[in-house]
Amino acid sequence: MSDSRSDTTSVVERTRTLAAGGAIVAAHFLGRMAVFVLAEEALLLTAPCGEPKTVAVHGGAILSSAVGESRVVSGGDDGKVVETDVSGESRTLATDPKHRWIDHLALGPDGAVAWSAGKTAFAQSKDLREFEAPSTVGGLAFLPKGFRLAVAHYNGATLWFPNAPQAAPEMLEWKGSHLGATVSPDGRFLVTTMQEPMLHGWRLADRKHMRMSGYAARVTSLGWTSGGRWLATSGAPQLILWPFQTKDGPMGKEPRVLAPSQHRVEVVACHPKRDFVAAGYADGLVLIVRIEDGAAILAKNPGEAPASALAWSADGMLLAFGTENGEAGVIDLA
């Protein structure tokens, strides 16, 4: 497939474009409301109809964000954890007593929130709990069953039970710097991104290791397809998907490689219901790729800055994209 994409079906004409006014670091949906997380201070909320609304939520850089059914939670270098609802109303959930940066966030069951500041991971449901990691926390991910949190750090990851202080945290070891964490939807696999251009994983039932390598650059974006059958990743000049359909996951298997380009994939977002993945490239191109055969739909033409944010609405009918220079859009696929 050439970079010209001249023979590719396009939905570009269905895009509502926006000027965010600053670099976009993440995108989320609250119902049909697209929420663009700006690198500095604010969120940009835009409904299918009506004027976009900018909401100031932090006193500096926004370093992390996560979305639930009715709120976007963000963490900043002001040491605050803030939740914002679909109306744009914001509320501070926590302030770090040492005013440390809130590096990572995760949302869990029953309204639970986890965040990290330096080496400390916090989890709050009914009560606030904290865990001191062996080193700076690199990523957080709730497991789908029970109240258990995966904490990535140097030389591995730890499984922590915040509501069971008598239960010792379980350490999963692998040398190197682990900078992100994700758990498969069925809870069987934990995968971390690493400082090196590779992923590492564990099958949690028996702690079996999984090494996923072959990338051109560090993986900074990843996501599970519907049902957890594939793990889609950035970090290469094509979309790389690792198979997780069997009990062994990707062990002994090659990834599926789709939508090659001259430019690296920077961000991915998996369709919530079907086997499609949106992929954003370093030249600003965004494609919607069908996993079955690699067929691609052009969602955004290349531009002046890399794609930096992608998100699907829960019904899969809206796709939001953002770039490092503040170009934003919402595509209506209905």
Protein backbone atom coordinates (compact mmCIF):
# COMPACT_ATOMS: atom_id res chain seq x y z
CA MET A 1 0.00 0.00 0.00
CA SER A 2 1.59 3.29 -1.03
CA ASP A 3 1.58 6.44 1.06
CA SER A 4 -0.51 8.20 -1.57
CA ARG A 5 -3.52 6.04 -0.63
CA SER A 6 -5.03 7.06 -3.95
CA ASP A 7 -7.06 3.87 -4.17
CA THR A 8 -8.25 3.92 -0.54
CA THR A 9 -11.86 4.58 0.44
CA SER A 10 -12.14 7.87 2.34
CA VAL A 11 -14.37 9.22 5.12
CA VAL A 12 -12.46 12.49 5.38
CA GLU A 13 -15.50 14.41 4.13
CA ARG A 14 -17.43 13.29 7.22
CA THR A 15 -15.04 15.12 9.56
CA ARG A 16 -15.98 18.02 11.79
CA THR A 17 -12.67 19.85 12.20
CA LEU A 18 -11.61 21.87 15.24
CA ALA A 19 -8.66 24.02 16.24
CA ALA A 20 -7.67 22.96 19.74
CA GLY A 21 -5.27 25.82 20.29
CA GLY A 22 -2.49 23.59 21.59
CA ALA A 23 -0.92 20.15 21.36
CA ILE A 24 -3.35 17.28 21.99
CA VAL A 25 -2.07 14.42 24.16
CA ALA A 26 -5.19 12.23 24.40
CA ALA A 27 -8.81 11.93 23.29
CA HIS A 28 -11.83 10.34 24.97
CA PHE A 29 -15.60 10.12 24.58
CA LEU A 30 -18.32 10.75 27.13
CA GLY A 31 -21.33 9.44 25.22
CA ARG A 32 -21.22 11.41 21.98
CA MET A 33 -19.17 14.19 23.51
CA ALA A 34 -15.56 14.13 22.32
CA VAL A 35 -13.03 15.25 24.93
CA PHE A 36 -9.59 16.34 23.75
CA VAL A 37 -6.90 16.51 26.43
CA LEU A 38 -4.51 19.37 25.76
CA ALA A 39 -0.88 19.26 26.79
CA GLU A 40 -1.37 22.35 28.94
CA GLU A 41 -4.09 23.08 31.50
CA ALA A 42 -7.32 22.37 29.62
CA LEU A 43 -9.78 19.96 28.06
CA LEU A 44 -11.69 20.73 24.87
CA LEU A 45 -15.24 19.32 24.87
CA THR A 46 -17.21 19.10 21.65
CA ALA A 47 -20.64 17.59 21.00
CA PRO A 48 -21.88 16.67 17.50
CA CYS A 49 -23.84 19.91 17.56
CA GLY A 50 -22.95 23.11 19.35
CA GLU A 51 -19.80 25.09 19.94
CA PRO A 52 -16.68 23.50 21.45
CA LYS A 53 -16.05 24.31 25.09
CA THR A 54 -12.62 24.72 26.69
CA VAL A 55 -12.41 23.81 30.37
CA ALA A 56 -9.35 24.67 32.47
CA VAL A 57 -8.65 21.76 34.84
CA HIS A 58 -4.97 22.03 35.80
CA GLY A 59 -2.44 24.71 36.63
CA GLY A 60 0.15 23.39 34.21
CA ALA A 61 0.89 20.39 32.02
CA ILE A 62 -1.59 17.48 31.85
CA LEU A 63 0.45 14.30 32.14
CA SER A 64 -2.16 11.54 32.26
CA SER A 65 -5.85 10.86 31.68
CA ALA A 66 -8.40 8.05 31.71
CA VAL A 67 -12.08 7.81 30.89
CA GLY A 68 -15.04 6.16 32.59
CA GLU A 69 -18.71 6.02 31.72
CA SER A 70 -19.47 9.52 32.97
CA ARG A 71 -16.16 11.29 33.55
CA VAL A 72 -12.67 11.98 32.33
CA VAL A 73 -10.05 11.90 35.07
CA SER A 74 -6.78 13.75 34.53
CA GLY A 75 -3.50 14.19 36.37
CA GLY A 76 -1.16 17.15 36.12
CA ASP A 77 2.20 18.53 37.11
CA ASP A 78 0.28 20.61 39.66
CA GLY A 79 -0.08 17.45 41.74
CA LYS A 80 -3.84 17.24 41.28
CA VAL A 81 -6.19 14.45 40.19
CA VAL A 82 -9.28 16.03 38.64
CA GLU A 83 -12.52 14.56 37.28
CA THR A 84 -14.58 16.34 34.60
CA ASP A 85 -18.11 15.38 33.55
CA VAL A 86 -19.93 15.80 30.26
CA SER A 87 -21.16 19.26 31.23
CA GLY A 88 -17.62 20.48 31.79
CA GLU A 89 -17.94 20.60 35.58
CA SER A 90 -14.66 19.65 37.28
CA ARG A 91 -13.86 18.46 40.77
CA THR A 92 -10.50 17.78 42.41
CA LEU A 93 -10.36 14.19 43.67
CA ALA A 94 -6.91 14.37 45.26
CA THR A 95 -3.92 16.64 45.68
CA ASP A 96 -0.51 15.12 46.25
CA PRO A 97 0.74 16.32 49.64
CA LYS A 98 4.23 16.82 48.19
CA HIS A 99 2.86 18.42 45.00
CA ARG A 100 4.53 15.74 42.89
CA TRP A 101 3.54 15.17 39.29
CA ILE A 102 0.63 12.78 38.68
CA ASP A 103 2.34 10.63 36.07
CA HIS A 104 -0.15 7.83 35.47
CA LEU A 105 -3.87 7.13 35.94
CA ALA A 106 -6.21 4.17 35.71
CA LEU A 107 -9.92 3.73 36.40
CA GLY A 108 -11.25 0.56 37.93
CA PRO A 109 -14.48 -1.08 39.13
CA ASP A 110 -17.13 0.74 41.15
CA GLY A 111 -15.65 4.18 40.61
CA ALA A 112 -12.15 3.28 41.76
CA VAL A 113 -9.28 5.55 40.71
CA ALA A 114 -5.56 4.80 40.78
CA TRP A 115 -2.75 7.24 40.19
CA SER A 116 0.98 7.50 40.72
CA ALA A 117 3.42 10.17 41.84
CA GLY A 118 7.07 9.19 41.73
CA LYS A 119 7.51 5.78 43.39
CA THR A 120 4.10 5.85 45.10
CA ALA A 121 0.95 4.30 43.65
CA PHE A 122 -2.41 5.30 45.13
CA ALA A 123 -5.76 3.57 44.82
CA GLN A 124 -9.02 5.00 46.04
CA SER A 125 -12.40 3.30 46.19
CA LYS A 126 -13.99 3.76 49.58
CA ASP A 127 -10.65 4.34 51.26
CA LEU A 128 -7.34 5.69 50.02
CA ARG A 129 -4.53 3.15 49.91
CA GLU A 130 -0.94 3.55 48.82
CA PHE A 131 1.88 1.30 47.68
CA GLU A 132 5.57 2.15 47.51
CA ALA A 133 7.00 0.62 44.33
CA PRO A 134 10.65 -0.45 44.06
CA SER A 135 11.25 2.45 41.66
CA THR A 136 9.35 5.18 39.82
CA VAL A 137 5.99 3.87 38.65
CA GLY A 138 5.92 3.39 34.86
CA GLY A 139 2.28 2.45 34.37
CA LEU A 140 -0.94 1.33 36.04
CA ALA A 141 -3.70 -1.06 34.99
CA PHE A 142 -6.63 -2.53 36.90
CA LEU A 143 -7.37 -6.20 36.43
CA PRO A 144 -10.95 -6.85 35.24
CA LYS A 145 -11.92 -9.04 38.20
CA GLY A 146 -11.57 -8.11 41.83
CA PHE A 147 -9.87 -5.01 43.15
CA ARG A 148 -6.33 -5.63 41.96
CA LEU A 149 -3.88 -3.25 40.33
CA ALA A 150 -0.85 -3.93 38.15
CA VAL A 151 1.99 -1.48 38.79
CA ALA A 152 4.82 -1.35 36.23
CA HIS A 153 8.28 -0.23 37.38
CA TYR A 154 11.96 -0.93 36.85
CA ASN A 155 12.75 -4.65 36.58
CA GLY A 156 9.15 -5.79 36.29
CA ALA A 157 5.65 -5.24 37.58
CA THR A 158 3.81 -5.79 40.85
CA LEU A 159 0.26 -7.05 41.39
CA TRP A 160 -1.16 -5.13 44.34
CA PHE A 161 -4.40 -5.77 46.28
CA PRO A 162 -5.26 -2.34 47.74
CA ASN A 163 -8.16 -3.60 49.90
CA ALA A 164 -6.23 -6.57 51.29
CA PRO A 165 -3.32 -5.12 53.28
CA GLN A 166 -2.58 -8.56 54.68
CA ALA A 167 -1.91 -9.90 51.16
CA ALA A 168 1.68 -9.41 50.06
CA PRO A 169 2.08 -7.76 46.64
CA GLU A 170 3.14 -10.22 43.94
CA MET A 171 6.29 -9.29 42.03
CA LEU A 172 6.68 -10.26 38.37
CA GLU A 173 10.31 -9.87 37.42
CA TRP A 174 11.91 -8.98 34.11
CA LYS A 175 15.02 -6.84 33.79
CA GLY A 176 14.66 -3.41 32.28
CA SER A 177 12.52 -0.30 32.51
CA HIS A 178 8.78 -1.01 32.20
CA LEU A 179 6.98 2.19 31.19
CA GLY A 180 3.36 1.19 30.65
CA ALA A 181 0.90 -1.56 31.56
CA THR A 182 -2.21 -3.16 30.13
CA VAL A 183 -4.22 -6.23 31.11
CA SER A 184 -6.17 -8.35 28.63
CA PRO A 185 -9.97 -8.04 28.93
CA ASP A 186 -10.22 -11.62 30.25
CA GLY A 187 -7.56 -10.93 32.88
CA ARG A 188 -5.23 -13.70 31.71
CA PHE A 189 -2.31 -11.61 30.47
CA LEU A 190 -0.36 -8.59 31.68
CA VAL A 191 1.69 -6.73 29.06
CA THR A 192 4.13 -3.89 29.70
CA THR A 193 5.79 -1.47 27.31
CA MET A 194 9.51 -1.03 27.80
CA GLN A 195 12.19 1.59 27.33
CA GLU A 196 13.60 -0.66 24.62
CA PRO A 197 11.59 -1.12 21.40
CA MET A 198 9.71 -4.18 22.67
CA LEU A 199 6.88 -5.40 24.88
CA HIS A 200 7.05 -7.90 27.70
CA GLY A 201 4.20 -10.00 28.99
CA TRP A 202 3.23 -12.55 31.58
CA ARG A 203 0.56 -15.22 31.48
CA LEU A 204 -0.75 -14.67 34.98
CA ALA A 205 -1.87 -18.25 35.62
CA ASP A 206 1.69 -19.57 35.60
CA ARG A 207 3.86 -16.41 35.22
CA LYS A 208 5.04 -17.60 31.81
CA HIS A 209 7.05 -14.89 30.04
CA MET A 210 6.22 -13.43 26.61
CA ARG A 211 8.66 -11.30 24.63
CA MET A 212 7.27 -9.22 21.77
CA SER A 213 10.01 -7.49 19.80
CA GLY A 214 10.85 -6.28 16.31
CA TYR A 215 9.85 -2.62 16.68
CA ALA A 216 11.63 0.36 15.17
CA ALA A 217 10.95 2.55 18.21
CA ARG A 218 9.56 2.38 21.72
CA VAL A 219 5.88 1.40 21.88
CA THR A 220 3.89 4.30 23.33
CA SER A 221 0.34 3.35 22.33
CA LEU A 222 -1.48 0.04 22.48
CA GLY A 223 -4.99 -1.31 22.83
CA TRP A 224 -7.08 -4.48 22.87
CA THR A 225 -9.48 -5.25 20.06
CA SER A 226 -13.06 -6.27 20.76
CA GLY A 227 -13.06 -9.42 22.89
CA GLY A 228 -9.30 -9.15 23.47
CA ARG A 229 -8.39 -11.24 20.44
CA TRP A 230 -5.57 -8.92 19.33
CA LEU A 231 -3.26 -6.38 20.96
CA ALA A 232 -2.70 -3.48 18.56
CA THR A 233 0.48 -1.44 18.95
CA SER A 234 2.42 1.56 17.69
CA GLY A 235 6.19 1.74 17.29
CA ALA A 236 6.74 0.55 13.71
CA PRO A 237 6.07 1.83 10.17
CA GLN A 238 3.05 -0.47 10.08
CA LEU A 239 0.28 -1.54 12.42
CA ILE A 240 1.43 -4.53 14.49
CA LEU A 241 -1.14 -6.82 16.14
CA TRP A 242 -0.23 -9.66 18.49
CA PRO A 243 -2.60 -12.66 18.70
CA PHE A 244 -4.20 -13.47 22.06
CA GLN A 245 -6.94 -15.86 20.92
CA THR A 246 -5.44 -18.97 22.56
CA LYS A 247 -4.28 -19.91 26.05
CA ASP A 248 -0.67 -19.28 25.03
CA GLY A 249 -1.29 -15.79 23.69
CA PRO A 250 1.46 -14.70 21.28
CA MET A 251 4.02 -17.24 22.51
CA GLY A 252 5.59 -18.90 19.49
CA LYS A 253 3.49 -16.85 17.06
CA GLU A 254 4.23 -14.02 14.65
CA PRO A 255 2.25 -10.78 14.81
CA ARG A 256 -0.09 -9.64 12.07
CA VAL A 257 1.45 -6.68 10.20
CA LEU A 258 -0.93 -4.33 8.37
CA ALA A 259 -1.11 -0.88 6.73
CA PRO A 260 2.60 -0.32 5.95
CA SER A 261 3.82 3.24 5.49
CA GLN A 262 7.02 5.23 5.18
CA HIS A 263 6.11 6.81 8.52
CA ARG A 264 5.84 5.23 11.96
CA VAL A 265 2.54 4.48 13.70
CA GLU A 266 2.32 6.83 16.70
CA VAL A 267 -1.10 6.07 18.18
CA VAL A 268 -3.74 3.32 17.90
CA ALA A 269 -7.37 2.94 18.98
CA CYS A 270 -9.41 -0.26 18.63
CA HIS A 271 -13.06 -0.23 17.58
CA PRO A 272 -15.22 -1.17 20.58
CA LYS A 273 -17.35 -3.74 18.73
CA ARG A 274 -15.69 -4.84 15.50
CA ASP A 275 -12.23 -5.93 14.37
CA PHE A 276 -11.10 -2.51 13.15
CA VAL A 277 -8.19 -0.44 14.40
CA ALA A 278 -7.62 3.28 13.86
CA ALA A 279 -3.93 4.02 13.35
CA GLY A 280 -2.34 7.47 13.42
CA TYR A 281 1.04 8.00 11.79
CA ALA A 282 3.99 10.37 12.27
CA ASP A 283 3.02 12.33 9.13
CA GLY A 284 -0.48 12.99 10.49
CA LEU A 285 -2.19 10.30 8.42
CA VAL A 286 -5.02 8.36 10.10
CA LEU A 287 -6.32 5.07 8.70
CA ILE A 288 -9.10 2.75 9.82
CA VAL A 289 -7.76 -0.75 9.21
CA ARG A 290 -9.78 -3.97 9.00
CA ILE A 291 -7.87 -6.77 10.73
CA GLU A 292 -9.30 -9.60 8.63
CA ASP A 293 -7.69 -8.53 5.37
CA GLY A 294 -5.83 -5.28 6.04
CA ALA A 295 -8.25 -3.17 3.99
CA ALA A 296 -7.91 0.48 4.98
CA ILE A 297 -10.18 3.53 4.99
CA LEU A 298 -8.63 7.00 4.90
CA ALA A 299 -9.81 8.95 7.95
CA LYS A 300 -7.40 11.89 7.88
CA ASN A 301 -4.95 13.10 5.28
CA PRO A 302 -1.30 13.66 6.20
CA GLY A 303 -0.62 17.06 7.74
CA GLU A 304 2.02 19.18 9.38
CA ALA A 305 2.32 17.26 12.66
CA PRO A 306 2.17 13.66 13.92
CA ALA A 307 -1.12 12.14 15.01
CA SER A 308 -1.10 12.07 18.81
CA ALA A 309 -4.60 11.04 19.94
CA LEU A 310 -7.37 8.71 18.76
CA ALA A 311 -10.61 7.57 20.40
CA TRP A 312 -13.83 5.76 19.44
CA SER A 313 -17.24 6.45 20.90
CA ALA A 314 -18.77 3.50 22.76
CA ASP A 315 -21.10 2.70 19.84
CA GLY A 316 -18.23 2.85 17.34
CA MET A 317 -19.96 5.48 15.22
CA LEU A 318 -17.65 8.40 16.03
CA LEU A 319 -13.87 8.60 15.76
CA ALA A 320 -11.92 11.51 17.25
CA PHE A 321 -8.36 12.38 16.29
CA GLY A 322 -5.84 14.96 17.44
CA THR A 323 -2.31 16.02 16.47
CA GLU A 324 0.73 17.51 18.13
CA ASN A 325 0.02 20.94 16.64
CA GLY A 326 -3.59 21.15 17.82
CA GLU A 327 -5.45 19.93 14.75
CA ALA A 328 -8.55 17.98 15.87
CA GLY A 329 -11.55 16.35 14.30
CA VAL A 330 -14.51 14.09 14.89
CA ILE A 331 -15.58 11.71 12.11
CA ASP A 332 -19.22 10.58 11.98
CA LEU A 333 -19.33 7.08 10.50
CA ALA A 334 -23.06 6.53 10.93
